[in-house]
Amino acid sequence: MKWLDDVRVIVSKKKYENEGVFKGAVGTIIFAWLRNDQYEVVFSDENGRDYADIMVHVADLELVRDNGLTDEEILKDLPLHDPHWWCKIEDGFILNLLGEKKNKIPYDYNS
């Protein structure tokens, strides 16, 4: 999972539901600098109108569609082109664009 990928919420949580986002909702990652292991995700209705723009924990998401962007394309669009600054999820690991892992155990984002 990375910037501009489509993702699905796979759990029910009150903090998401309070924003109108329920289990099964599909949104797009719009900010992928992980803070507290969360992505900023925007959710739109069938008419393309955004109804929620919230932070969602990475463990509460699954990939629906990869946008096909390469690391090089993402790096080019980053402020100051700093590869430390952006993160993606790959094989259960939180990685920056240098390949440095934030978690030690795959899918255990607190390790």
PDB file of N, CA and C in Angstrom:
ATOM      1  N   MET A   1       0.849  -1.178   0.000  1.00  0.00           N
ATOM      2  CA  MET A   1       0.000   0.000   0.000  1.00  0.00           C
ATOM      3  C   MET A   1       0.889   1.234   0.000  1.00  0.00           C
ATOM      4  N   LYS A   2       0.508   2.176  -0.842  1.00  0.00           N
ATOM      5  CA  LYS A   2       1.283   3.400  -0.942  1.00  0.00           C
ATOM      6  C   LYS A   2       0.380   4.523  -1.443  1.00  0.00           C
ATOM      7  N   TRP A   3       0.972   5.671  -1.628  1.00  0.00           N
ATOM      8  CA  TRP A   3       0.273   6.869  -2.088  1.00  0.00           C
ATOM      9  C   TRP A   3      -0.576   6.585  -3.328  1.00  0.00           C
ATOM     10  N   LEU A   4      -1.822   6.999  -3.275  1.00  0.00           N
ATOM     11  CA  LEU A   4      -2.814   6.918  -4.345  1.00  0.00           C
ATOM     12  C   LEU A   4      -3.337   5.512  -4.627  1.00  0.00           C
ATOM     13  N   ASP A   5      -2.965   4.523  -3.829  1.00  0.00           N
ATOM     14  CA  ASP A   5      -3.568   3.199  -3.946  1.00  0.00           C
ATOM     15  C   ASP A   5      -4.981   3.241  -3.380  1.00  0.00           C
ATOM     16  N   ASP A   6      -5.856   2.396  -3.924  1.00  0.00           N
ATOM     17  CA  ASP A   6      -7.195   2.232  -3.371  1.00  0.00           C
ATOM     18  C   ASP A   6      -7.139   1.147  -2.303  1.00  0.00           C
ATOM     19  N   VAL A   7      -7.794   1.418  -1.176  1.00  0.00           N
ATOM     20  CA  VAL A   7      -7.767   0.515  -0.027  1.00  0.00           C
ATOM     21  C   VAL A   7      -9.170   0.328   0.530  1.00  0.00           C
ATOM     22  N   ARG A   8      -9.361  -0.791   1.239  1.00  0.00           N
ATOM     23  CA  ARG A   8     -10.641  -1.094   1.872  1.00  0.00           C
ATOM     24  C   ARG A   8     -10.457  -1.173   3.375  1.00  0.00           C
ATOM     25  N   VAL A   9     -11.417  -0.625   4.116  1.00  0.00           N
ATOM     26  CA  VAL A   9     -11.426  -0.740   5.574  1.00  0.00           C
ATOM     27  C   VAL A   9     -11.944  -2.135   5.916  1.00  0.00           C
ATOM     28  N   ILE A  10     -11.188  -2.865   6.731  1.00  0.00           N
ATOM     29  CA  ILE A  10     -11.533  -4.268   7.011  1.00  0.00           C
ATOM     30  C   ILE A  10     -12.032  -4.505   8.433  1.00  0.00           C
ATOM     31  N   VAL A  11     -12.214  -3.432   9.198  1.00  0.00           N
ATOM     32  CA  VAL A  11     -12.720  -3.545  10.571  1.00  0.00           C
ATOM     33  C   VAL A  11     -13.764  -2.467  10.826  1.00  0.00           C
ATOM     34  N   SER A  12     -14.562  -2.702  11.837  1.00  0.00           N
ATOM     35  CA  SER A  12     -15.500  -1.679  12.306  1.00  0.00           C
ATOM     36  C   SER A  12     -14.897  -1.009  13.528  1.00  0.00           C
ATOM     37  N   LYS A  13     -14.800   0.305  13.482  1.00  0.00           N
ATOM     38  CA  LYS A  13     -14.330   1.066  14.638  1.00  0.00           C
ATOM     39  C   LYS A  13     -15.171   2.322  14.769  1.00  0.00           C
ATOM     40  N   LYS A  14     -15.497   2.645  15.991  1.00  0.00           N
ATOM     41  CA  LYS A  14     -16.345   3.794  16.262  1.00  0.00           C
ATOM     42  C   LYS A  14     -15.766   5.081  15.680  1.00  0.00           C
ATOM     43  N   LYS A  15     -14.422   5.259  15.792  1.00  0.00           N
ATOM     44  CA  LYS A  15     -13.821   6.509  15.312  1.00  0.00           C
ATOM     45  C   LYS A  15     -13.964   6.659  13.803  1.00  0.00           C
ATOM     46  N   TYR A  16     -13.997   5.556  13.066  1.00  0.00           N
ATOM     47  CA  TYR A  16     -14.227   5.623  11.617  1.00  0.00           C
ATOM     48  C   TYR A  16     -15.717   5.828  11.337  1.00  0.00           C
ATOM     49  N   GLU A  17     -16.548   5.075  12.032  1.00  0.00           N
ATOM     50  CA  GLU A  17     -17.993   5.158  11.818  1.00  0.00           C
ATOM     51  C   GLU A  17     -18.529   6.551  12.133  1.00  0.00           C
ATOM     52  N   ASN A  18     -17.931   7.211  13.133  1.00  0.00           N
ATOM     53  CA  ASN A  18     -18.340   8.583  13.456  1.00  0.00           C
ATOM     54  C   ASN A  18     -18.114   9.546  12.293  1.00  0.00           C
ATOM     55  N   GLU A  19     -17.223   9.158  11.388  1.00  0.00           N
ATOM     56  CA  GLU A  19     -16.929   9.973  10.194  1.00  0.00           C
ATOM     57  C   GLU A  19     -17.663   9.458   8.959  1.00  0.00           C
ATOM     58  N   GLY A  20     -18.519   8.444   9.146  1.00  0.00           N
ATOM     59  CA  GLY A  20     -19.283   7.890   8.035  1.00  0.00           C
ATOM     60  C   GLY A  20     -18.564   6.792   7.274  1.00  0.00           C
ATOM     61  N   VAL A  21     -17.476   6.277   7.832  1.00  0.00           N
ATOM     62  CA  VAL A  21     -16.689   5.230   7.177  1.00  0.00           C
ATOM     63  C   VAL A  21     -16.923   3.910   7.910  1.00  0.00           C
ATOM     64  N   PHE A  22     -17.468   2.938   7.185  1.00  0.00           N
ATOM     65  CA  PHE A  22     -17.812   1.661   7.774  1.00  0.00           C
ATOM     66  C   PHE A  22     -16.984   0.538   7.145  1.00  0.00           C
ATOM     67  N   LYS A  23     -16.951  -0.589   7.835  1.00  0.00           N
ATOM     68  CA  LYS A  23     -16.236  -1.763   7.311  1.00  0.00           C
ATOM     69  C   LYS A  23     -16.679  -2.009   5.875  1.00  0.00           C
ATOM     70  N   GLY A  24     -15.694  -2.217   4.982  1.00  0.00           N
ATOM     71  CA  GLY A  24     -15.984  -2.440   3.579  1.00  0.00           C
ATOM     72  C   GLY A  24     -15.864  -1.196   2.718  1.00  0.00           C
ATOM     73  N   ALA A  25     -15.779  -0.019   3.330  1.00  0.00           N
ATOM     74  CA  ALA A  25     -15.650   1.231   2.568  1.00  0.00           C
ATOM     75  C   ALA A  25     -14.313   1.246   1.832  1.00  0.00           C
ATOM     76  N   VAL A  26     -14.341   1.739   0.608  1.00  0.00           N
ATOM     77  CA  VAL A  26     -13.136   1.833  -0.220  1.00  0.00           C
ATOM     78  C   VAL A  26     -12.770   3.298  -0.393  1.00  0.00           C
ATOM     79  N   GLY A  27     -11.492   3.592  -0.175  1.00  0.00           N
ATOM     80  CA  GLY A  27     -11.002   4.961  -0.321  1.00  0.00           C
ATOM     81  C   GLY A  27      -9.634   4.953  -0.980  1.00  0.00           C
ATOM     82  N   THR A  28      -9.047   6.138  -1.074  1.00  0.00           N
ATOM     83  CA  THR A  28      -7.745   6.307  -1.710  1.00  0.00           C
ATOM     84  C   THR A  28      -6.771   6.932  -0.725  1.00  0.00           C
ATOM     85  N   ILE A  29      -5.575   6.358  -0.616  1.00  0.00           N
ATOM     86  CA  ILE A  29      -4.537   6.929   0.245  1.00  0.00           C
ATOM     87  C   ILE A  29      -4.082   8.235  -0.387  1.00  0.00           C
ATOM     88  N   ILE A  30      -4.228   9.327   0.366  1.00  0.00           N
ATOM     89  CA  ILE A  30      -3.812  10.624  -0.184  1.00  0.00           C
ATOM     90  C   ILE A  30      -2.597  11.195   0.521  1.00  0.00           C
ATOM     91  N   PHE A  31      -2.240  10.603   1.647  1.00  0.00           N
ATOM     92  CA  PHE A  31      -1.036  11.047   2.336  1.00  0.00           C
ATOM     93  C   PHE A  31      -0.392   9.829   2.968  1.00  0.00           C
ATOM     94  N   ALA A  32       0.836   9.553   2.587  1.00  0.00           N
ATOM     95  CA  ALA A  32       1.477   8.301   2.992  1.00  0.00           C
ATOM     96  C   ALA A  32       2.731   8.533   3.810  1.00  0.00           C
ATOM     97  N   TRP A  33       2.756   9.594   4.582  1.00  0.00           N
ATOM     98  CA  TRP A  33       3.821   9.777   5.562  1.00  0.00           C
ATOM     99  C   TRP A  33       3.233   9.237   6.849  1.00  0.00           C
ATOM    100  N   LEU A  34       3.631   8.031   7.222  1.00  0.00           N
ATOM    101  CA  LEU A  34       2.972   7.350   8.326  1.00  0.00           C
ATOM    102  C   LEU A  34       3.219   8.040   9.661  1.00  0.00           C
ATOM    103  N   ARG A  35       2.145   8.468  10.271  1.00  0.00           N
ATOM    104  CA  ARG A  35       2.167   9.003  11.631  1.00  0.00           C
ATOM    105  C   ARG A  35       1.356   8.041  12.474  1.00  0.00           C
ATOM    106  N   ASN A  36       1.955   7.537  13.516  1.00  0.00           N
ATOM    107  CA  ASN A  36       1.265   6.565  14.365  1.00  0.00           C
ATOM    108  C   ASN A  36       0.713   5.403  13.545  1.00  0.00           C
ATOM    109  N   ASP A  37       1.490   4.998  12.524  1.00  0.00           N
ATOM    110  CA  ASP A  37       1.131   3.861  11.682  1.00  0.00           C
ATOM    111  C   ASP A  37      -0.223   4.037  10.998  1.00  0.00           C
ATOM    112  N   GLN A  38      -0.516   5.255  10.567  1.00  0.00           N
ATOM    113  CA  GLN A  38      -1.769   5.558   9.896  1.00  0.00           C
ATOM    114  C   GLN A  38      -1.525   6.226   8.546  1.00  0.00           C
ATOM    115  N   TYR A  39      -2.440   5.961   7.615  1.00  0.00           N
ATOM    116  CA  TYR A  39      -2.478   6.663   6.336  1.00  0.00           C
ATOM    117  C   TYR A  39      -3.667   7.618   6.349  1.00  0.00           C
ATOM    118  N   GLU A  40      -3.525   8.732   5.646  1.00  0.00           N
ATOM    119  CA  GLU A  40      -4.680   9.589   5.421  1.00  0.00           C
ATOM    120  C   GLU A  40      -5.398   9.045   4.190  1.00  0.00           C
ATOM    121  N   VAL A  41      -6.691   8.757   4.343  1.00  0.00           N
ATOM    122  CA  VAL A  41      -7.482   8.151   3.279  1.00  0.00           C
ATOM    123  C   VAL A  41      -8.712   9.008   3.037  1.00  0.00           C
ATOM    124  N   VAL A  42      -9.014   9.258   1.757  1.00  0.00           N
ATOM    125  CA  VAL A  42     -10.225   9.990   1.397  1.00  0.00           C
ATOM    126  C   VAL A  42     -11.230   8.988   0.836  1.00  0.00           C
ATOM    127  N   PHE A  43     -12.490   9.147   1.242  1.00  0.00           N
ATOM    128  CA  PHE A  43     -13.583   8.285   0.808  1.00  0.00           C
ATOM    129  C   PHE A  43     -14.574   9.135   0.027  1.00  0.00           C
ATOM    130  N   SER A  44     -15.007   8.605  -1.103  1.00  0.00           N
ATOM    131  CA  SER A  44     -15.925   9.336  -1.981  1.00  0.00           C
ATOM    132  C   SER A  44     -17.178   8.508  -2.227  1.00  0.00           C
ATOM    133  N   ASP A  45     -18.305   9.204  -2.492  1.00  0.00           N
ATOM    134  CA  ASP A  45     -19.543   8.489  -2.807  1.00  0.00           C
ATOM    135  C   ASP A  45     -19.572   8.129  -4.291  1.00  0.00           C
ATOM    136  N   GLU A  46     -20.656   7.502  -4.713  1.00  0.00           N
ATOM    137  CA  GLU A  46     -20.760   7.036  -6.104  1.00  0.00           C
ATOM    138  C   GLU A  46     -20.769   8.177  -7.118  1.00  0.00           C
ATOM    139  N   ASN A  47     -21.010   9.411  -6.665  1.00  0.00           N
ATOM    140  CA  ASN A  47     -20.982  10.581  -7.546  1.00  0.00           C
ATOM    141  C   ASN A  47     -19.628  11.274  -7.545  1.00  0.00           C
ATOM    142  N   GLY A  48     -18.668  10.693  -6.800  1.00  0.00           N
ATOM    143  CA  GLY A  48     -17.328  11.270  -6.756  1.00  0.00           C
ATOM    144  C   GLY A  48     -17.146  12.362  -5.721  1.00  0.00           C
ATOM    145  N   ARG A  49     -18.151  12.602  -4.891  1.00  0.00           N
ATOM    146  CA  ARG A  49     -18.042  13.614  -3.831  1.00  0.00           C
ATOM    147  C   ARG A  49     -17.405  13.003  -2.590  1.00  0.00           C
ATOM    148  N   ASP A  50     -16.403  13.677  -2.060  1.00  0.00           N
ATOM    149  CA  ASP A  50     -15.736  13.199  -0.853  1.00  0.00           C
ATOM    150  C   ASP A  50     -16.670  13.340   0.339  1.00  0.00           C
ATOM    151  N   TYR A  51     -16.780  12.282   1.129  1.00  0.00           N
ATOM    152  CA  TYR A  51     -17.594  12.354   2.339  1.00  0.00           C
ATOM    153  C   TYR A  51     -16.773  12.173   3.609  1.00  0.00           C
ATOM    154  N   ALA A  52     -15.523  11.739   3.471  1.00  0.00           N
ATOM    155  CA  ALA A  52     -14.659  11.593   4.647  1.00  0.00           C
ATOM    156  C   ALA A  52     -13.207  11.650   4.216  1.00  0.00           C
ATOM    157  N   ASP A  53     -12.412  12.277   5.049  1.00  0.00           N
ATOM    158  CA  ASP A  53     -10.966  12.381   4.865  1.00  0.00           C
ATOM    159  C   ASP A  53     -10.387  12.137   6.252  1.00  0.00           C
ATOM    160  N   ILE A  54      -9.955  10.889   6.506  1.00  0.00           N
ATOM    161  CA  ILE A  54      -9.578  10.503   7.866  1.00  0.00           C
ATOM    162  C   ILE A  54      -8.268   9.730   7.885  1.00  0.00           C
ATOM    163  N   MET A  55      -7.680   9.632   9.071  1.00  0.00           N
ATOM    164  CA  MET A  55      -6.508   8.807   9.306  1.00  0.00           C
ATOM    165  C   MET A  55      -6.994   7.403   9.664  1.00  0.00           C
ATOM    166  N   VAL A  56      -6.428   6.385   8.974  1.00  0.00           N
ATOM    167  CA  VAL A  56      -6.813   4.996   9.207  1.00  0.00           C
ATOM    168  C   VAL A  56      -5.551   4.187   9.483  1.00  0.00           C
ATOM    169  N   HIS A  57      -5.588   3.386  10.536  1.00  0.00           N
ATOM    170  CA  HIS A  57      -4.437   2.553  10.894  1.00  0.00           C
ATOM    171  C   HIS A  57      -4.178   1.543   9.782  1.00  0.00           C
ATOM    172  N   VAL A  58      -2.912   1.317   9.454  1.00  0.00           N
ATOM    173  CA  VAL A  58      -2.554   0.421   8.348  1.00  0.00           C
ATOM    174  C   VAL A  58      -3.081  -1.001   8.549  1.00  0.00           C
ATOM    175  N   ALA A  59      -3.172  -1.458   9.779  1.00  0.00           N
ATOM    176  CA  ALA A  59      -3.672  -2.806  10.048  1.00  0.00           C
ATOM    177  C   ALA A  59      -5.168  -2.922   9.767  1.00  0.00           C
ATOM    178  N   ASP A  60      -5.852  -1.795   9.626  1.00  0.00           N
ATOM    179  CA  ASP A  60      -7.288  -1.780   9.374  1.00  0.00           C
ATOM    180  C   ASP A  60      -7.612  -1.668   7.886  1.00  0.00           C
ATOM    181  N   LEU A  61      -6.585  -1.766   7.041  1.00  0.00           N
ATOM    182  CA  LEU A  61      -6.755  -1.604   5.600  1.00  0.00           C
ATOM    183  C   LEU A  61      -6.251  -2.820   4.836  1.00  0.00           C
ATOM    184  N   GLU A  62      -6.851  -3.042   3.660  1.00  0.00           N
ATOM    185  CA  GLU A  62      -6.313  -4.001   2.704  1.00  0.00           C
ATOM    186  C   GLU A  62      -6.265  -3.321   1.344  1.00  0.00           C
ATOM    187  N   LEU A  63      -5.310  -3.730   0.539  1.00  0.00           N
ATOM    188  CA  LEU A  63      -5.132  -3.169  -0.787  1.00  0.00           C
ATOM    189  C   LEU A  63      -6.236  -3.663  -1.716  1.00  0.00           C
ATOM    190  N   VAL A  64      -6.865  -2.724  -2.425  1.00  0.00           N
ATOM    191  CA  VAL A  64      -7.874  -3.049  -3.432  1.00  0.00           C
ATOM    192  C   VAL A  64      -7.270  -2.922  -4.825  1.00  0.00           C
ATOM    193  N   ARG A  65      -6.556  -1.822  -5.060  1.00  0.00           N
ATOM    194  CA  ARG A  65      -5.960  -1.580  -6.370  1.00  0.00           C
ATOM    195  C   ARG A  65      -4.666  -0.808  -6.221  1.00  0.00           C
ATOM    196  N   ASP A  66      -3.603  -1.362  -6.769  1.00  0.00           N
ATOM    197  CA  ASP A  66      -2.305  -0.694  -6.805  1.00  0.00           C
ATOM    198  C   ASP A  66      -2.342   0.326  -7.940  1.00  0.00           C
ATOM    199  N   ASN A  67      -1.902   1.550  -7.651  1.00  0.00           N
ATOM    200  CA  ASN A  67      -1.953   2.604  -8.657  1.00  0.00           C
ATOM    201  C   ASN A  67      -0.847   2.504  -9.692  1.00  0.00           C
ATOM    202  N   GLY A  68       0.121   1.633  -9.467  1.00  0.00           N
ATOM    203  CA  GLY A  68       1.189   1.425 -10.432  1.00  0.00           C
ATOM    204  C   GLY A  68       2.332   2.420 -10.348  1.00  0.00           C
ATOM    205  N   LEU A  69       2.290   3.362  -9.402  1.00  0.00           N
ATOM    206  CA  LEU A  69       3.396   4.309  -9.270  1.00  0.00           C
ATOM    207  C   LEU A  69       4.657   3.602  -8.792  1.00  0.00           C
ATOM    208  N   THR A  70       5.775   3.951  -9.375  1.00  0.00           N
ATOM    209  CA  THR A  70       7.047   3.403  -8.924  1.00  0.00           C
ATOM    210  C   THR A  70       7.590   4.257  -7.782  1.00  0.00           C
ATOM    211  N   ASP A  71       8.549   3.709  -7.035  1.00  0.00           N
ATOM    212  CA  ASP A  71       9.201   4.482  -5.975  1.00  0.00           C
ATOM    213  C   ASP A  71       9.834   5.747  -6.542  1.00  0.00           C
ATOM    214  N   GLU A  72      10.406   5.651  -7.731  1.00  0.00           N
ATOM    215  CA  GLU A  72      11.061   6.807  -8.350  1.00  0.00           C
ATOM    216  C   GLU A  72      10.050   7.909  -8.659  1.00  0.00           C
ATOM    217  N   GLU A  73       8.860   7.527  -9.134  1.00  0.00           N
ATOM    218  CA  GLU A  73       7.817   8.515  -9.426  1.00  0.00           C
ATOM    219  C   GLU A  73       7.333   9.189  -8.141  1.00  0.00           C
ATOM    220  N   ILE A  74       7.184   8.406  -7.092  1.00  0.00           N
ATOM    221  CA  ILE A  74       6.759   8.966  -5.808  1.00  0.00           C
ATOM    222  C   ILE A  74       7.839   9.904  -5.279  1.00  0.00           C
ATOM    223  N   LEU A  75       9.091   9.472  -5.306  1.00  0.00           N
ATOM    224  CA  LEU A  75      10.200  10.286  -4.804  1.00  0.00           C
ATOM    225  C   LEU A  75      10.269  11.623  -5.537  1.00  0.00           C
ATOM    226  N   LYS A  76      10.040  11.598  -6.828  1.00  0.00           N
ATOM    227  CA  LYS A  76      10.082  12.822  -7.623  1.00  0.00           C
ATOM    228  C   LYS A  76       9.053  13.850  -7.135  1.00  0.00           C
ATOM    229  N   ASP A  77       7.903  13.380  -6.649  1.00  0.00           N
ATOM    230  CA  ASP A  77       6.831  14.262  -6.196  1.00  0.00           C
ATOM    231  C   ASP A  77       6.943  14.674  -4.729  1.00  0.00           C
ATOM    232  N   LEU A  78       7.901  14.109  -4.001  1.00  0.00           N
ATOM    233  CA  LEU A  78       8.052  14.441  -2.583  1.00  0.00           C
ATOM    234  C   LEU A  78       8.696  15.801  -2.392  1.00  0.00           C
ATOM    235  N   PRO A  79       8.270  16.525  -1.351  1.00  0.00           N
ATOM    236  CA  PRO A  79       8.982  17.758  -1.016  1.00  0.00           C
ATOM    237  C   PRO A  79      10.442  17.439  -0.709  1.00  0.00           C
ATOM    238  N   LEU A  80      11.321  18.170  -1.283  1.00  0.00           N
ATOM    239  CA  LEU A  80      12.770  18.015  -1.110  1.00  0.00           C
ATOM    240  C   LEU A  80      13.290  16.667  -1.602  1.00  0.00           C
ATOM    241  N   HIS A  81      12.435  15.864  -2.229  1.00  0.00           N
ATOM    242  CA  HIS A  81      12.820  14.559  -2.777  1.00  0.00           C
ATOM    243  C   HIS A  81      13.551  13.695  -1.746  1.00  0.00           C
ATOM    244  N   ASP A  82      13.060  13.708  -0.506  1.00  0.00           N
ATOM    245  CA  ASP A  82      13.701  12.994   0.602  1.00  0.00           C
ATOM    246  C   ASP A  82      13.088  11.604   0.757  1.00  0.00           C
ATOM    247  N   PRO A  83      13.829  10.525   0.463  1.00  0.00           N
ATOM    248  CA  PRO A  83      13.281   9.172   0.546  1.00  0.00           C
ATOM    249  C   PRO A  83      12.983   8.706   1.973  1.00  0.00           C
ATOM    250  N   HIS A  84      13.498   9.406   2.980  1.00  0.00           N
ATOM    251  CA  HIS A  84      13.172   9.066   4.369  1.00  0.00           C
ATOM    252  C   HIS A  84      11.732   9.460   4.704  1.00  0.00           C
ATOM    253  N   TRP A  85      11.194  10.370   3.921  1.00  0.00           N
ATOM    254  CA  TRP A  85       9.974  11.083   4.283  1.00  0.00           C
ATOM    255  C   TRP A  85       8.698  10.332   3.974  1.00  0.00           C
ATOM    256  N   TRP A  86       8.719   9.425   3.037  1.00  0.00           N
ATOM    257  CA  TRP A  86       7.495   8.764   2.583  1.00  0.00           C
ATOM    258  C   TRP A  86       7.536   7.299   2.948  1.00  0.00           C
ATOM    259  N   CYS A  87       6.385   6.679   3.178  1.00  0.00           N
ATOM    260  CA  CYS A  87       6.350   5.277   3.575  1.00  0.00           C
ATOM    261  C   CYS A  87       5.349   4.503   2.743  1.00  0.00           C
ATOM    262  N   LYS A  88       5.600   3.215   2.672  1.00  0.00           N
ATOM    263  CA  LYS A  88       4.685   2.291   2.011  1.00  0.00           C
ATOM    264  C   LYS A  88       4.641   1.013   2.832  1.00  0.00           C
ATOM    265  N   ILE A  89       3.639   0.197   2.584  1.00  0.00           N
ATOM    266  CA  ILE A  89       3.517  -1.111   3.225  1.00  0.00           C
ATOM    267  C   ILE A  89       3.795  -2.149   2.153  1.00  0.00           C
ATOM    268  N   GLU A  90       4.743  -3.028   2.428  1.00  0.00           N
ATOM    269  CA  GLU A  90       5.104  -4.069   1.472  1.00  0.00           C
ATOM    270  C   GLU A  90       5.388  -5.346   2.250  1.00  0.00           C
ATOM    271  N   ASP A  91       4.673  -6.401   1.926  1.00  0.00           N
ATOM    272  CA  ASP A  91       4.836  -7.700   2.593  1.00  0.00           C
ATOM    273  C   ASP A  91       4.753  -7.585   4.116  1.00  0.00           C
ATOM    274  N   GLY A  92       3.876  -6.714   4.600  1.00  0.00           N
ATOM    275  CA  GLY A  92       3.670  -6.558   6.038  1.00  0.00           C
ATOM    276  C   GLY A  92       4.653  -5.654   6.744  1.00  0.00           C
ATOM    277  N   PHE A  93       5.556  -5.044   6.004  1.00  0.00           N
ATOM    278  CA  PHE A  93       6.540  -4.141   6.600  1.00  0.00           C
ATOM    279  C   PHE A  93       6.248  -2.696   6.201  1.00  0.00           C
ATOM    280  N   ILE A  94       6.458  -1.794   7.142  1.00  0.00           N
ATOM    281  CA  ILE A  94       6.415  -0.364   6.862  1.00  0.00           C
ATOM    282  C   ILE A  94       7.816   0.025   6.420  1.00  0.00           C
ATOM    283  N   LEU A  95       7.927   0.511   5.183  1.00  0.00           N
ATOM    284  CA  LEU A  95       9.226   0.849   4.608  1.00  0.00           C
ATOM    285  C   LEU A  95       9.250   2.294   4.143  1.00  0.00           C
ATOM    286  N   ASN A  96      10.390   2.952   4.299  1.00  0.00           N
ATOM    287  CA  ASN A  96      10.550   4.224   3.606  1.00  0.00           C
ATOM    288  C   ASN A  96      11.083   3.901   2.215  1.00  0.00           C
ATOM    289  N   LEU A  97      11.289   4.914   1.398  1.00  0.00           N
ATOM    290  CA  LEU A  97      11.712   4.655   0.024  1.00  0.00           C
ATOM    291  C   LEU A  97      13.169   4.233  -0.090  1.00  0.00           C
ATOM    292  N   LEU A  98      13.880   4.153   1.040  1.00  0.00           N
ATOM    293  CA  LEU A  98      15.225   3.595   1.052  1.00  0.00           C
ATOM    294  C   LEU A  98      15.199   2.102   1.363  1.00  0.00           C
ATOM    295  N   GLY A  99      13.996   1.593   1.683  1.00  0.00           N
ATOM    296  CA  GLY A  99      13.862   0.190   2.039  1.00  0.00           C
ATOM    297  C   GLY A  99      14.072  -0.084   3.515  1.00  0.00           C
ATOM    298  N   GLU A 100      14.246   0.969   4.323  1.00  0.00           N
ATOM    299  CA  GLU A 100      14.439   0.790   5.767  1.00  0.00           C
ATOM    300  C   GLU A 100      13.105   0.421   6.409  1.00  0.00           C
ATOM    301  N   LYS A 101      13.123  -0.621   7.254  1.00  0.00           N
ATOM    302  CA  LYS A 101      11.917  -1.128   7.896  1.00  0.00           C
ATOM    303  C   LYS A 101      11.665  -0.421   9.222  1.00  0.00           C
ATOM    304  N   LYS A 102      10.396  -0.079   9.439  1.00  0.00           N
ATOM    305  CA  LYS A 102      10.005   0.503  10.724  1.00  0.00           C
ATOM    306  C   LYS A 102       9.649  -0.599  11.721  1.00  0.00           C
ATOM    307  N   ASN A 103       8.966  -1.656  11.252  1.00  0.00           N
ATOM    308  CA  ASN A 103       8.597  -2.759  12.150  1.00  0.00           C
ATOM    309  C   ASN A 103       9.476  -3.971  11.856  1.00  0.00           C
ATOM    310  N   LYS A 104       9.700  -4.760  12.887  1.00  0.00           N
ATOM    311  CA  LYS A 104      10.601  -5.903  12.765  1.00  0.00           C
ATOM    312  C   LYS A 104       9.882  -7.201  12.396  1.00  0.00           C
ATOM    313  N   ILE A 105       8.608  -7.306  12.777  1.00  0.00           N
ATOM    314  CA  ILE A 105       7.823  -8.509  12.511  1.00  0.00           C
ATOM    315  C   ILE A 105       6.743  -8.142  11.488  1.00  0.00           C
ATOM    316  N   PRO A 106       6.657  -8.891  10.368  1.00  0.00           N
ATOM    317  CA  PRO A 106       5.661  -8.546   9.360  1.00  0.00           C
ATOM    318  C   PRO A 106       4.248  -8.539   9.917  1.00  0.00           C
ATOM    319  N   TYR A 107       3.501  -7.536   9.541  1.00  0.00           N
ATOM    320  CA  TYR A 107       2.092  -7.333   9.921  1.00  0.00           C
ATOM    321  C   TYR A 107       1.915  -7.017  11.398  1.00  0.00           C
ATOM    322  N   ASP A 108       2.956  -6.964  12.177  1.00  0.00           N
ATOM    323  CA  ASP A 108       2.897  -6.493  13.564  1.00  0.00           C
ATOM    324  C   ASP A 108       3.486  -5.081  13.535  1.00  0.00           C
ATOM    325  N   TYR A 109       2.611  -4.111  13.317  1.00  0.00           N
ATOM    326  CA  TYR A 109       3.063  -2.746  13.079  1.00  0.00           C
ATOM    327  C   TYR A 109       3.591  -2.059  14.340  1.00  0.00           C
ATOM    328  N   ASN A 110       3.452  -2.707  15.486  1.00  0.00           N
ATOM    329  CA  ASN A 110       3.995  -2.155  16.733  1.00  0.00           C
ATOM    330  C   ASN A 110       5.315  -2.793  17.127  1.00  0.00           C
ATOM    331  N   SER A 111       5.855  -3.688  16.290  1.00  0.00           N
ATOM    332  CA  SER A 111       7.103  -4.386  16.654  1.00  0.00           C
ATOM    333  C   SER A 111       8.330  -3.550  16.309  1.00  0.00           C
TER     334      SER A 111
END
